[in-house]
Amino acid sequence: PELRSLKLQYSNVDVRRPTPESTIGIRCLAGQLGMLPSLRELNLGSSRLSGNLRQILCDLQAPLESLELAFCSLLPADLAFL
């Protein structure tokens, strides 16, 4: 729970074609991130999370100081959320 920085680069989960399993995986990831109240830096570089940024970050307990999203193929909805 005291983790301040986390790198989750190069995810092989392709959420551009959602399946029930990928939807469950995204909710699980969001829930786990929500259990890290001290998290301030998150690197999701090269992850295939198009259109799911809100779902992934919705359970965070505090604002991030740094969010790395290089090569993530974000969609307009992701940018609007940010």
N, C-alpha and C. Protein backbone atom coordinates (compact mmCIF):
# COMPACT_ATOMS: atom_id res chain seq x y z
N PRO A 1 0.81 -1.22 0.00
CA PRO A 1 0.00 0.00 0.00
C PRO A 1 0.84 1.27 0.00
N GLU A 2 2.14 1.17 0.30
CA GLU A 2 3.01 2.35 0.34
C GLU A 2 3.71 2.61 -0.99
N LEU A 3 3.43 1.82 -2.01
CA LEU A 3 4.07 1.96 -3.31
C LEU A 3 3.78 3.33 -3.90
N ARG A 4 4.82 4.04 -4.31
CA ARG A 4 4.66 5.38 -4.86
C ARG A 4 4.82 5.43 -6.37
N SER A 5 5.54 4.48 -6.95
CA SER A 5 5.82 4.49 -8.38
C SER A 5 5.65 3.08 -8.95
N LEU A 6 4.99 2.98 -10.11
CA LEU A 6 4.71 1.68 -10.70
C LEU A 6 4.83 1.76 -12.22
N LYS A 7 5.58 0.81 -12.80
CA LYS A 7 5.72 0.71 -14.25
C LYS A 7 5.00 -0.56 -14.72
N LEU A 8 4.03 -0.39 -15.59
CA LEU A 8 3.29 -1.52 -16.18
C LEU A 8 3.36 -1.40 -17.70
N GLN A 9 4.55 -1.39 -18.22
CA GLN A 9 4.77 -1.18 -19.65
C GLN A 9 4.52 -2.45 -20.44
N TYR A 10 4.23 -2.25 -21.73
CA TYR A 10 4.16 -3.34 -22.71
C TYR A 10 3.12 -4.40 -22.37
N SER A 11 1.94 -3.98 -22.02
CA SER A 11 0.86 -4.93 -21.76
C SER A 11 0.47 -5.62 -23.06
N ASN A 12 0.29 -6.91 -23.02
CA ASN A 12 -0.12 -7.67 -24.20
C ASN A 12 -1.63 -7.78 -24.32
N VAL A 13 -2.37 -7.24 -23.38
CA VAL A 13 -3.82 -7.27 -23.45
C VAL A 13 -4.27 -6.24 -24.48
N ASP A 14 -4.95 -6.70 -25.51
CA ASP A 14 -5.42 -5.81 -26.57
C ASP A 14 -6.88 -5.47 -26.31
N VAL A 15 -7.14 -4.28 -25.78
CA VAL A 15 -8.50 -3.89 -25.44
C VAL A 15 -9.20 -3.21 -26.61
N ARG A 16 -8.55 -3.14 -27.76
CA ARG A 16 -9.22 -2.56 -28.93
C ARG A 16 -10.33 -3.47 -29.42
N ARG A 17 -10.25 -4.74 -29.12
CA ARG A 17 -11.31 -5.71 -29.41
C ARG A 17 -11.71 -6.34 -28.09
N PRO A 18 -12.60 -5.67 -27.35
CA PRO A 18 -12.92 -6.13 -26.00
C PRO A 18 -13.58 -7.51 -25.97
N THR A 19 -13.18 -8.26 -24.97
CA THR A 19 -13.77 -9.56 -24.67
C THR A 19 -14.23 -9.50 -23.21
N PRO A 20 -15.06 -10.44 -22.79
CA PRO A 20 -15.43 -10.45 -21.37
C PRO A 20 -14.20 -10.56 -20.45
N GLU A 21 -13.19 -11.30 -20.89
CA GLU A 21 -11.99 -11.46 -20.08
C GLU A 21 -11.20 -10.15 -19.97
N SER A 22 -11.09 -9.41 -21.07
CA SER A 22 -10.35 -8.15 -21.02
C SER A 22 -11.08 -7.13 -20.18
N THR A 23 -12.41 -7.13 -20.24
CA THR A 23 -13.20 -6.21 -19.42
C THR A 23 -13.00 -6.52 -17.94
N ILE A 24 -13.00 -7.78 -17.58
CA ILE A 24 -12.74 -8.18 -16.19
C ILE A 24 -11.33 -7.79 -15.79
N GLY A 25 -10.37 -7.98 -16.69
CA GLY A 25 -8.98 -7.63 -16.41
C GLY A 25 -8.80 -6.15 -16.14
N ILE A 26 -9.49 -5.32 -16.91
CA ILE A 26 -9.40 -3.88 -16.71
C ILE A 26 -9.98 -3.49 -15.36
N ARG A 27 -11.12 -4.06 -14.99
CA ARG A 27 -11.72 -3.76 -13.69
C ARG A 27 -10.82 -4.24 -12.55
N CYS A 28 -10.20 -5.39 -12.75
CA CYS A 28 -9.28 -5.93 -11.73
C CYS A 28 -8.08 -5.00 -11.57
N LEU A 29 -7.50 -4.56 -12.69
CA LEU A 29 -6.37 -3.63 -12.64
C LEU A 29 -6.77 -2.34 -11.93
N ALA A 30 -7.93 -1.80 -12.28
CA ALA A 30 -8.40 -0.56 -11.64
C ALA A 30 -8.56 -0.75 -10.14
N GLY A 31 -9.13 -1.88 -9.75
CA GLY A 31 -9.31 -2.15 -8.33
C GLY A 31 -8.00 -2.27 -7.59
N GLN A 32 -7.02 -2.93 -8.21
CA GLN A 32 -5.71 -3.07 -7.58
C GLN A 32 -5.00 -1.72 -7.47
N LEU A 33 -5.11 -0.89 -8.50
CA LEU A 33 -4.51 0.45 -8.43
C LEU A 33 -5.18 1.27 -7.33
N GLY A 34 -6.47 1.07 -7.16
CA GLY A 34 -7.21 1.78 -6.11
C GLY A 34 -6.79 1.40 -4.71
N MET A 35 -6.11 0.27 -4.58
CA MET A 35 -5.63 -0.17 -3.26
C MET A 35 -4.22 0.34 -2.97
N LEU A 36 -3.73 1.26 -3.78
CA LEU A 36 -2.40 1.85 -3.58
C LEU A 36 -2.57 3.35 -3.28
N PRO A 37 -2.92 3.71 -2.07
CA PRO A 37 -3.22 5.11 -1.75
C PRO A 37 -2.02 6.04 -1.89
N SER A 38 -0.80 5.53 -1.86
CA SER A 38 0.39 6.37 -1.95
C SER A 38 0.90 6.51 -3.38
N LEU A 39 0.24 5.85 -4.34
CA LEU A 39 0.72 5.87 -5.73
C LEU A 39 0.70 7.29 -6.28
N ARG A 40 1.86 7.74 -6.79
CA ARG A 40 1.98 9.09 -7.35
C ARG A 40 2.50 9.07 -8.79
N GLU A 41 3.18 7.99 -9.19
CA GLU A 41 3.75 7.88 -10.54
C GLU A 41 3.30 6.56 -11.16
N LEU A 42 2.74 6.64 -12.37
CA LEU A 42 2.27 5.44 -13.05
C LEU A 42 2.72 5.50 -14.50
N ASN A 43 3.40 4.44 -14.94
CA ASN A 43 3.89 4.35 -16.31
C ASN A 43 3.14 3.20 -16.99
N LEU A 44 2.31 3.54 -17.96
CA LEU A 44 1.57 2.55 -18.74
C LEU A 44 2.04 2.54 -20.19
N GLY A 45 3.27 3.00 -20.43
CA GLY A 45 3.81 3.13 -21.78
C GLY A 45 3.70 1.86 -22.60
N SER A 46 3.34 2.02 -23.86
CA SER A 46 3.21 0.93 -24.83
C SER A 46 2.13 -0.09 -24.46
N SER A 47 1.18 0.32 -23.65
CA SER A 47 0.07 -0.57 -23.32
C SER A 47 -1.07 -0.32 -24.30
N ARG A 48 -1.78 -1.35 -24.63
CA ARG A 48 -2.89 -1.25 -25.57
C ARG A 48 -4.17 -0.98 -24.79
N LEU A 49 -4.36 0.27 -24.37
CA LEU A 49 -5.49 0.58 -23.52
C LEU A 49 -6.49 1.52 -24.17
N SER A 50 -6.45 1.64 -25.47
CA SER A 50 -7.31 2.56 -26.22
C SER A 50 -8.75 2.56 -25.72
N GLY A 51 -9.22 3.76 -25.33
CA GLY A 51 -10.60 3.92 -24.92
C GLY A 51 -10.91 3.46 -23.51
N ASN A 52 -9.93 3.04 -22.74
CA ASN A 52 -10.18 2.48 -21.41
C ASN A 52 -9.48 3.23 -20.29
N LEU A 53 -8.94 4.38 -20.59
CA LEU A 53 -8.17 5.10 -19.57
C LEU A 53 -9.04 5.45 -18.35
N ARG A 54 -10.25 5.90 -18.59
CA ARG A 54 -11.15 6.25 -17.47
C ARG A 54 -11.37 5.03 -16.56
N GLN A 55 -11.63 3.88 -17.16
CA GLN A 55 -11.88 2.68 -16.37
C GLN A 55 -10.65 2.27 -15.58
N ILE A 56 -9.47 2.43 -16.16
CA ILE A 56 -8.24 2.01 -15.50
C ILE A 56 -7.89 2.93 -14.33
N LEU A 57 -8.13 4.21 -14.48
CA LEU A 57 -7.71 5.18 -13.47
C LEU A 57 -8.82 5.60 -12.51
N CYS A 58 -10.03 5.10 -12.70
CA CYS A 58 -11.18 5.60 -11.94
C CYS A 58 -11.11 5.31 -10.44
N ASP A 59 -10.40 4.29 -10.03
CA ASP A 59 -10.38 3.93 -8.60
C ASP A 59 -9.20 4.52 -7.84
N LEU A 60 -8.37 5.35 -8.49
CA LEU A 60 -7.24 5.95 -7.79
C LEU A 60 -7.75 6.80 -6.63
N GLN A 61 -7.05 6.73 -5.51
CA GLN A 61 -7.47 7.44 -4.32
C GLN A 61 -6.94 8.87 -4.24
N ALA A 62 -5.88 9.15 -4.99
CA ALA A 62 -5.27 10.49 -4.95
C ALA A 62 -4.76 10.82 -6.35
N PRO A 63 -4.63 12.10 -6.66
CA PRO A 63 -4.12 12.49 -7.98
C PRO A 63 -2.68 12.00 -8.18
N LEU A 64 -2.38 11.62 -9.41
CA LEU A 64 -1.02 11.24 -9.77
C LEU A 64 -0.20 12.50 -10.03
N GLU A 65 1.08 12.44 -9.70
CA GLU A 65 2.00 13.51 -10.05
C GLU A 65 2.56 13.30 -11.45
N SER A 66 2.63 12.03 -11.87
CA SER A 66 3.21 11.69 -13.17
C SER A 66 2.46 10.50 -13.76
N LEU A 67 2.08 10.64 -15.04
CA LEU A 67 1.41 9.56 -15.76
C LEU A 67 2.05 9.44 -17.13
N GLU A 68 2.70 8.32 -17.39
CA GLU A 68 3.39 8.06 -18.66
C GLU A 68 2.48 7.22 -19.54
N LEU A 69 2.16 7.73 -20.72
CA LEU A 69 1.26 7.04 -21.65
C LEU A 69 1.85 6.97 -23.06
N ALA A 70 3.16 6.94 -23.17
CA ALA A 70 3.79 6.91 -24.49
C ALA A 70 3.38 5.67 -25.27
N PHE A 71 3.06 5.85 -26.53
CA PHE A 71 2.72 4.76 -27.45
C PHE A 71 1.52 3.95 -26.97
N CYS A 72 0.49 4.62 -26.46
CA CYS A 72 -0.69 3.92 -25.94
C CYS A 72 -1.90 3.98 -26.87
N SER A 73 -1.80 4.64 -28.01
CA SER A 73 -2.91 4.72 -28.96
C SER A 73 -4.18 5.20 -28.28
N LEU A 74 -4.11 6.35 -27.65
CA LEU A 74 -5.26 6.90 -26.95
C LEU A 74 -6.33 7.37 -27.94
N LEU A 75 -7.56 7.31 -27.51
CA LEU A 75 -8.69 7.77 -28.29
C LEU A 75 -9.17 9.11 -27.75
N PRO A 76 -10.00 9.83 -28.49
CA PRO A 76 -10.51 11.12 -27.99
C PRO A 76 -11.16 11.02 -26.61
N ALA A 77 -11.84 9.92 -26.31
CA ALA A 77 -12.46 9.77 -24.98
C ALA A 77 -11.39 9.73 -23.89
N ASP A 78 -10.24 9.12 -24.18
CA ASP A 78 -9.15 9.08 -23.20
C ASP A 78 -8.63 10.49 -22.94
N LEU A 79 -8.44 11.24 -24.01
CA LEU A 79 -7.93 12.61 -23.87
C LEU A 79 -8.94 13.50 -23.15
N ALA A 80 -10.21 13.31 -23.42
CA ALA A 80 -11.24 14.09 -22.73
C ALA A 80 -11.24 13.79 -21.24
N PHE A 81 -11.02 12.53 -20.87
CA PHE A 81 -10.94 12.15 -19.47
C PHE A 81 -9.78 12.85 -18.78
N LEU A 82 -8.63 12.90 -19.45
CA LEU A 82 -7.47 13.55 -18.85
C LEU A 82 -7.71 15.03 -18.64
